[in-house]
Amino acid sequence: MDISKKIVLPGEEIDLNGMKQGNGIYHENGKYYAYQLGMLQVYNNYVNLIQLSGKYYPVKNDRVIGKVIDIAPSFWILDIKGPYPGFLHINDTPWKSGSGELSKILGTGDTVFAKVNEITESKQIWLSLKDAGLRKLEGGHIVTVQPTKVSRIIGKAGSMVNMIKEMTNVKIQLGQNGIVWLDGEPDRVLQVIKILKIIEEEAHTSGLTDRVKKILEDMR
């Protein structure tokens, strides 16, 4: 039985059909339940619950784009568009720095592509740049989308976002917090922004990948 795109209510029991528990689902007394209202999506044998609406709530290992809003002696404070700011300690970066030198590495307003490394009981969100592809984002343009639509923009096994990259020659970095970094020719970047809005509005519909491909072909 295909459970993809099934809408579930908060607390509703979910039959994983032999697959693995993903984001947005909790385990209790041998059964699995939905944290909130959302749509089920299967990816790499994991069943994930995608919020239909709402703000971003961090989950460990999420990839996010954050902007530095303050600097402490040994860590940066970042806006990740969540309920709480994110913290990036110098030890969780590839850089080395003495006291008082953090601003020379990342200044206020700088942007990074990071992962959620830990969420403490007191709701502190600690980030890391120690993984493949994580880095400071130089130049480019930042746009926002609904966090709940990021998985649709990525597509199955990256099919949607890779198609957009190939057909526009625009570099795209997607944060699961709904922040998107784009870098390319200005007219192409504008095309990608238009495509992202279409995907946002039509994420729940079928045949979307084919429609997006046709729109991109017409833009050439």
C-alpha atoms as a PDB file:
ATOM      1  CA  MET A   1       0.000   0.000   0.000  1.00  0.00           C
ATOM      2  CA  ASP A   2       1.366   3.409  -1.009  1.00  0.00           C
ATOM      3  CA  ILE A   3       1.055   5.856   1.879  1.00  0.00           C
ATOM      4  CA  SER A   4       2.713   8.803   0.092  1.00  0.00           C
ATOM      5  CA  LYS A   5       0.662  12.015   0.112  1.00  0.00           C
ATOM      6  CA  LYS A   6      -1.723  10.678   2.773  1.00  0.00           C
ATOM      7  CA  ILE A   7      -2.937  13.480   5.061  1.00  0.00           C
ATOM      8  CA  VAL A   8      -2.767  12.652   8.793  1.00  0.00           C
ATOM      9  CA  LEU A   9      -3.988  14.467  11.909  1.00  0.00           C
ATOM     10  CA  PRO A  10      -1.986  15.208  15.088  1.00  0.00           C
ATOM     11  CA  GLY A  11      -1.754  12.004  17.151  1.00  0.00           C
ATOM     12  CA  GLU A  12      -3.060   9.797  14.345  1.00  0.00           C
ATOM     13  CA  GLU A  13      -1.513   6.329  14.202  1.00  0.00           C
ATOM     14  CA  ILE A  14       0.681   5.680  11.172  1.00  0.00           C
ATOM     15  CA  ASP A  15       1.354   2.286   9.620  1.00  0.00           C
ATOM     16  CA  LEU A  16       4.923   2.468   8.297  1.00  0.00           C
ATOM     17  CA  ASN A  17       4.410  -0.624   6.136  1.00  0.00           C
ATOM     18  CA  GLY A  18       7.820  -2.019   7.073  1.00  0.00           C
ATOM     19  CA  MET A  19       9.651   1.237   6.360  1.00  0.00           C
ATOM     20  CA  LYS A  20      11.679   3.364   8.788  1.00  0.00           C
ATOM     21  CA  GLN A  21      10.507   6.214  11.031  1.00  0.00           C
ATOM     22  CA  GLY A  22      11.449   9.640   9.673  1.00  0.00           C
ATOM     23  CA  ASN A  23      10.908  13.250  10.718  1.00  0.00           C
ATOM     24  CA  GLY A  24       7.632  14.367  12.281  1.00  0.00           C
ATOM     25  CA  ILE A  25       6.706  10.905  13.593  1.00  0.00           C
ATOM     26  CA  TYR A  26       7.062   9.615  17.153  1.00  0.00           C
ATOM     27  CA  HIS A  27       7.163   6.096  18.580  1.00  0.00           C
ATOM     28  CA  GLU A  28       5.141   5.018  21.614  1.00  0.00           C
ATOM     29  CA  ASN A  29       4.252   1.550  22.929  1.00  0.00           C
ATOM     30  CA  GLY A  30       5.280  -0.118  19.713  1.00  0.00           C
ATOM     31  CA  LYS A  31       3.220   2.159  17.487  1.00  0.00           C
ATOM     32  CA  TYR A  32       3.937   5.286  15.426  1.00  0.00           C
ATOM     33  CA  TYR A  33       2.032   8.563  15.519  1.00  0.00           C
ATOM     34  CA  ALA A  34       1.981  11.966  13.822  1.00  0.00           C
ATOM     35  CA  TYR A  35       3.301  14.952  15.734  1.00  0.00           C
ATOM     36  CA  GLN A  36       1.093  17.354  13.788  1.00  0.00           C
ATOM     37  CA  LEU A  37      -1.180  17.854  10.807  1.00  0.00           C
ATOM     38  CA  GLY A  38       0.734  16.973   7.673  1.00  0.00           C
ATOM     39  CA  MET A  39       1.267  14.843   4.595  1.00  0.00           C
ATOM     40  CA  LEU A  40       3.219  11.586   4.563  1.00  0.00           C
ATOM     41  CA  GLN A  41       6.135  11.322   2.173  1.00  0.00           C
ATOM     42  CA  VAL A  42       8.377   8.315   1.542  1.00  0.00           C
ATOM     43  CA  TYR A  43      12.043   8.946   0.750  1.00  0.00           C
ATOM     44  CA  ASN A  44      14.881   6.353   0.777  1.00  0.00           C
ATOM     45  CA  ASN A  45      12.685   3.903   2.724  1.00  0.00           C
ATOM     46  CA  TYR A  46      11.924   6.509   5.419  1.00  0.00           C
ATOM     47  CA  VAL A  47       8.401   7.780   6.082  1.00  0.00           C
ATOM     48  CA  ASN A  48       8.459  11.512   6.849  1.00  0.00           C
ATOM     49  CA  LEU A  49       5.645  13.805   7.914  1.00  0.00           C
ATOM     50  CA  ILE A  50       5.673  17.101   6.020  1.00  0.00           C
ATOM     51  CA  GLN A  51       3.859  20.009   7.663  1.00  0.00           C
ATOM     52  CA  LEU A  52       1.126  21.477   5.504  1.00  0.00           C
ATOM     53  CA  SER A  53       1.709  24.903   6.990  1.00  0.00           C
ATOM     54  CA  GLY A  54       3.548  26.632   9.781  1.00  0.00           C
ATOM     55  CA  LYS A  55       7.006  27.841  10.749  1.00  0.00           C
ATOM     56  CA  TYR A  56      10.223  25.870  10.793  1.00  0.00           C
ATOM     57  CA  TYR A  57      10.922  23.619  13.778  1.00  0.00           C
ATOM     58  CA  PRO A  58      14.487  22.270  13.785  1.00  0.00           C
ATOM     59  CA  VAL A  59      15.247  18.552  13.747  1.00  0.00           C
ATOM     60  CA  LYS A  60      18.719  17.106  14.371  1.00  0.00           C
ATOM     61  CA  ASN A  61      20.773  16.762  11.153  1.00  0.00           C
ATOM     62  CA  ASP A  62      18.577  19.223   9.232  1.00  0.00           C
ATOM     63  CA  ARG A  63      20.539  21.350   6.768  1.00  0.00           C
ATOM     64  CA  VAL A  64      19.718  25.029   7.260  1.00  0.00           C
ATOM     65  CA  ILE A  65      20.819  28.418   6.023  1.00  0.00           C
ATOM     66  CA  GLY A  66      21.446  30.910   8.806  1.00  0.00           C
ATOM     67  CA  LYS A  67      22.508  34.550   9.046  1.00  0.00           C
ATOM     68  CA  VAL A  68      24.877  35.790  11.735  1.00  0.00           C
ATOM     69  CA  ILE A  69      23.085  38.262  14.017  1.00  0.00           C
ATOM     70  CA  ASP A  70      25.556  38.465  16.923  1.00  0.00           C
ATOM     71  CA  ILE A  71      29.018  37.290  17.943  1.00  0.00           C
ATOM     72  CA  ALA A  72      30.098  35.972  21.348  1.00  0.00           C
ATOM     73  CA  PRO A  73      33.700  35.230  22.434  1.00  0.00           C
ATOM     74  CA  SER A  74      33.662  31.623  21.170  1.00  0.00           C
ATOM     75  CA  PHE A  75      30.509  31.277  19.058  1.00  0.00           C
ATOM     76  CA  TRP A  76      28.204  32.992  16.615  1.00  0.00           C
ATOM     77  CA  ILE A  77      24.448  33.501  17.032  1.00  0.00           C
ATOM     78  CA  LEU A  78      22.432  32.926  13.864  1.00  0.00           C
ATOM     79  CA  ASP A  79      18.903  33.605  12.715  1.00  0.00           C
ATOM     80  CA  ILE A  80      17.624  30.323  11.245  1.00  0.00           C
ATOM     81  CA  LYS A  81      13.960  31.410  10.979  1.00  0.00           C
ATOM     82  CA  GLY A  82      12.977  29.040  13.773  1.00  0.00           C
ATOM     83  CA  PRO A  83      11.424  29.600  17.195  1.00  0.00           C
ATOM     84  CA  TYR A  84      14.929  30.040  18.666  1.00  0.00           C
ATOM     85  CA  PRO A  85      18.270  31.259  17.267  1.00  0.00           C
ATOM     86  CA  GLY A  86      21.043  28.856  16.339  1.00  0.00           C
ATOM     87  CA  PHE A  87      24.509  28.799  17.894  1.00  0.00           C
ATOM     88  CA  LEU A  88      27.678  27.951  15.988  1.00  0.00           C
ATOM     89  CA  HIS A  89      30.758  27.264  18.157  1.00  0.00           C
ATOM     90  CA  ILE A  90      34.216  27.771  16.680  1.00  0.00           C
ATOM     91  CA  ASN A  91      35.036  24.127  17.503  1.00  0.00           C
ATOM     92  CA  ASP A  92      32.218  23.016  15.169  1.00  0.00           C
ATOM     93  CA  THR A  93      33.741  24.785  12.180  1.00  0.00           C
ATOM     94  CA  PRO A  94      36.787  24.029  10.000  1.00  0.00           C
ATOM     95  CA  TRP A  95      38.383  27.279  11.170  1.00  0.00           C
ATOM     96  CA  LYS A  96      40.768  28.068  14.007  1.00  0.00           C
ATOM     97  CA  SER A  97      40.625  31.359  15.896  1.00  0.00           C
ATOM     98  CA  GLY A  98      42.007  33.035  18.971  1.00  0.00           C
ATOM     99  CA  SER A  99      39.849  35.002  21.375  1.00  0.00           C
ATOM    100  CA  GLY A 100      38.242  38.087  19.859  1.00  0.00           C
ATOM    101  CA  GLU A 101      38.925  37.079  16.258  1.00  0.00           C
ATOM    102  CA  LEU A 102      35.608  35.438  15.305  1.00  0.00           C
ATOM    103  CA  SER A 103      34.371  38.540  13.496  1.00  0.00           C
ATOM    104  CA  LYS A 104      37.294  38.193  11.060  1.00  0.00           C
ATOM    105  CA  ILE A 105      35.940  34.773  10.017  1.00  0.00           C
ATOM    106  CA  LEU A 106      32.188  35.441  10.042  1.00  0.00           C
ATOM    107  CA  GLY A 107      30.787  38.910  10.552  1.00  0.00           C
ATOM    108  CA  THR A 108      27.289  40.110  11.332  1.00  0.00           C
ATOM    109  CA  GLY A 109      25.136  39.596   8.249  1.00  0.00           C
ATOM    110  CA  ASP A 110      27.230  36.746   6.836  1.00  0.00           C
ATOM    111  CA  THR A 111      25.403  33.590   5.801  1.00  0.00           C
ATOM    112  CA  VAL A 112      26.291  29.916   6.247  1.00  0.00           C
ATOM    113  CA  PHE A 113      24.925  26.550   5.149  1.00  0.00           C
ATOM    114  CA  ALA A 114      25.037  24.443   8.322  1.00  0.00           C
ATOM    115  CA  LYS A 115      23.503  21.380   9.930  1.00  0.00           C
ATOM    116  CA  VAL A 116      21.570  21.127  13.185  1.00  0.00           C
ATOM    117  CA  ASN A 117      24.050  19.251  15.354  1.00  0.00           C
ATOM    118  CA  GLU A 118      22.230  19.190  18.693  1.00  0.00           C
ATOM    119  CA  ILE A 119      19.028  20.465  20.314  1.00  0.00           C
ATOM    120  CA  THR A 120      19.338  20.636  24.096  1.00  0.00           C
ATOM    121  CA  GLU A 121      16.560  20.199  26.643  1.00  0.00           C
ATOM    122  CA  SER A 122      16.609  23.972  27.153  1.00  0.00           C
ATOM    123  CA  LYS A 123      15.920  24.412  23.395  1.00  0.00           C
ATOM    124  CA  GLN A 124      19.410  25.610  22.504  1.00  0.00           C
ATOM    125  CA  ILE A 125      20.042  24.797  18.848  1.00  0.00           C
ATOM    126  CA  TRP A 126      23.706  24.063  18.156  1.00  0.00           C
ATOM    127  CA  LEU A 127      24.892  24.062  14.568  1.00  0.00           C
ATOM    128  CA  SER A 128      27.927  22.614  12.821  1.00  0.00           C
ATOM    129  CA  LEU A 129      29.901  23.175   9.630  1.00  0.00           C
ATOM    130  CA  LYS A 130      31.810  19.915   9.976  1.00  0.00           C
ATOM    131  CA  ASP A 131      30.248  17.878   7.199  1.00  0.00           C
ATOM    132  CA  ALA A 132      30.510  17.638   3.426  1.00  0.00           C
ATOM    133  CA  GLY A 133      29.088  20.641   1.593  1.00  0.00           C
ATOM    134  CA  LEU A 134      28.625  22.835   4.670  1.00  0.00           C
ATOM    135  CA  ARG A 135      30.233  26.244   4.288  1.00  0.00           C
ATOM    136  CA  LYS A 136      30.053  30.002   4.304  1.00  0.00           C
ATOM    137  CA  LEU A 137      27.890  31.222   1.412  1.00  0.00           C
ATOM    138  CA  GLU A 138      29.617  33.944  -0.589  1.00  0.00           C
ATOM    139  CA  GLY A 139      27.645  36.330  -2.802  1.00  0.00           C
ATOM    140  CA  GLY A 140      24.473  35.046  -4.420  1.00  0.00           C
ATOM    141  CA  HIS A 141      20.868  35.887  -3.616  1.00  0.00           C
ATOM    142  CA  ILE A 142      18.737  34.778  -0.679  1.00  0.00           C
ATOM    143  CA  VAL A 143      15.015  34.023  -1.078  1.00  0.00           C
ATOM    144  CA  THR A 144      12.527  32.364   1.242  1.00  0.00           C
ATOM    145  CA  VAL A 145       9.937  29.648   0.685  1.00  0.00           C
ATOM    146  CA  GLN A 146       7.594  27.836   3.026  1.00  0.00           C
ATOM    147  CA  PRO A 147       9.671  25.299   5.001  1.00  0.00           C
ATOM    148  CA  THR A 148       6.957  22.720   4.448  1.00  0.00           C
ATOM    149  CA  LYS A 149       7.485  22.919   0.674  1.00  0.00           C
ATOM    150  CA  VAL A 150      11.260  22.360   0.654  1.00  0.00           C
ATOM    151  CA  SER A 151      10.946  18.591   0.185  1.00  0.00           C
ATOM    152  CA  ARG A 152       8.763  19.173  -2.895  1.00  0.00           C
ATOM    153  CA  ILE A 153      11.342  21.571  -4.333  1.00  0.00           C
ATOM    154  CA  ILE A 154      14.004  18.898  -3.820  1.00  0.00           C
ATOM    155  CA  GLY A 155      11.824  16.207  -5.389  1.00  0.00           C
ATOM    156  CA  LYS A 156      12.280  12.453  -5.303  1.00  0.00           C
ATOM    157  CA  ALA A 157      16.010  11.679  -4.983  1.00  0.00           C
ATOM    158  CA  GLY A 158      16.708  15.343  -5.847  1.00  0.00           C
ATOM    159  CA  SER A 159      14.975  15.125  -9.220  1.00  0.00           C
ATOM    160  CA  MET A 160      13.243  18.515  -9.126  1.00  0.00           C
ATOM    161  CA  VAL A 161      16.080  20.689  -7.831  1.00  0.00           C
ATOM    162  CA  ASN A 162      18.669  18.964 -10.058  1.00  0.00           C
ATOM    163  CA  MET A 163      16.504  19.572 -13.116  1.00  0.00           C
ATOM    164  CA  ILE A 164      16.200  23.256 -12.232  1.00  0.00           C
ATOM    165  CA  LYS A 165      19.970  23.546 -11.740  1.00  0.00           C
ATOM    166  CA  GLU A 166      20.762  21.852 -15.046  1.00  0.00           C
ATOM    167  CA  MET A 167      18.241  23.823 -17.109  1.00  0.00           C
ATOM    168  CA  THR A 168      19.131  27.247 -15.665  1.00  0.00           C
ATOM    169  CA  ASN A 169      22.808  26.842 -14.751  1.00  0.00           C
ATOM    170  CA  VAL A 170      22.013  28.412 -11.371  1.00  0.00           C
ATOM    171  CA  LYS A 171      23.665  27.119  -8.199  1.00  0.00           C
ATOM    172  CA  ILE A 172      21.015  26.316  -5.581  1.00  0.00           C
ATOM    173  CA  GLN A 173      21.490  25.640  -1.877  1.00  0.00           C
ATOM    174  CA  LEU A 174      18.296  24.663  -0.086  1.00  0.00           C
ATOM    175  CA  GLY A 175      17.873  24.997   3.657  1.00  0.00           C
ATOM    176  CA  GLN A 176      15.183  22.905   5.301  1.00  0.00           C
ATOM    177  CA  ASN A 177      14.242  26.070   7.178  1.00  0.00           C
ATOM    178  CA  GLY A 178      12.876  27.560   3.953  1.00  0.00           C
ATOM    179  CA  ILE A 179      15.905  29.721   3.119  1.00  0.00           C
ATOM    180  CA  VAL A 180      17.267  29.304  -0.408  1.00  0.00           C
ATOM    181  CA  TRP A 181      20.591  30.581  -1.753  1.00  0.00           C
ATOM    182  CA  LEU A 182      20.860  31.167  -5.503  1.00  0.00           C
ATOM    183  CA  ASP A 183      23.894  32.120  -7.558  1.00  0.00           C
ATOM    184  CA  GLY A 184      23.992  32.640 -11.310  1.00  0.00           C
ATOM    185  CA  GLU A 185      23.184  35.044 -14.118  1.00  0.00           C
ATOM    186  CA  PRO A 186      20.614  37.608 -12.872  1.00  0.00           C
ATOM    187  CA  ASP A 187      17.976  36.719 -15.468  1.00  0.00           C
ATOM    188  CA  ARG A 188      18.367  33.020 -14.708  1.00  0.00           C
ATOM    189  CA  VAL A 189      18.111  33.645 -10.964  1.00  0.00           C
ATOM    190  CA  LEU A 190      14.836  35.492 -11.561  1.00  0.00           C
ATOM    191  CA  GLN A 191      13.577  32.495 -13.533  1.00  0.00           C
ATOM    192  CA  VAL A 192      14.418  30.166 -10.655  1.00  0.00           C
ATOM    193  CA  ILE A 193      12.632  32.440  -8.184  1.00  0.00           C
ATOM    194  CA  LYS A 194       9.535  32.294 -10.389  1.00  0.00           C
ATOM    195  CA  ILE A 195       9.783  28.480 -10.531  1.00  0.00           C
ATOM    196  CA  LEU A 196      10.143  28.218  -6.753  1.00  0.00           C
ATOM    197  CA  LYS A 197       6.931  30.200  -6.270  1.00  0.00           C
ATOM    198  CA  ILE A 198       5.091  27.936  -8.720  1.00  0.00           C
ATOM    199  CA  ILE A 199       6.257  24.848  -6.834  1.00  0.00           C
ATOM    200  CA  GLU A 200       5.185  26.437  -3.541  1.00  0.00           C
ATOM    201  CA  GLU A 201       1.692  27.117  -4.834  1.00  0.00           C
ATOM    202  CA  GLU A 202       1.240  23.764  -6.597  1.00  0.00           C
ATOM    203  CA  ALA A 203       3.216  21.441  -4.294  1.00  0.00           C
ATOM    204  CA  HIS A 204       0.144  19.335  -3.545  1.00  0.00           C
ATOM    205  CA  THR A 205      -0.678  18.647  -7.202  1.00  0.00           C
ATOM    206  CA  SER A 206       0.396  15.717  -9.385  1.00  0.00           C
ATOM    207  CA  GLY A 207       2.449  16.031 -12.556  1.00  0.00           C
ATOM    208  CA  LEU A 208       4.292  19.051 -11.179  1.00  0.00           C
ATOM    209  CA  THR A 209       7.757  17.990 -12.366  1.00  0.00           C
ATOM    210  CA  ASP A 210       6.593  17.757 -15.966  1.00  0.00           C
ATOM    211  CA  ARG A 211       4.900  21.163 -15.768  1.00  0.00           C
ATOM    212  CA  VAL A 212       8.009  22.771 -14.304  1.00  0.00           C
ATOM    213  CA  LYS A 213      10.132  21.218 -17.065  1.00  0.00           C
ATOM    214  CA  LYS A 214       7.810  22.659 -19.724  1.00  0.00           C
ATOM    215  CA  ILE A 215       7.952  26.119 -18.125  1.00  0.00           C
ATOM    216  CA  LEU A 216      11.752  25.984 -18.032  1.00  0.00           C
ATOM    217  CA  GLU A 217      11.907  24.917 -21.679  1.00  0.00           C
ATOM    218  CA  ASP A 218       9.655  27.836 -22.647  1.00  0.00           C
ATOM    219  CA  MET A 219      11.940  30.232 -20.742  1.00  0.00           C
ATOM    220  CA  ARG A 220      14.957  29.286 -22.851  1.00  0.00           C
END
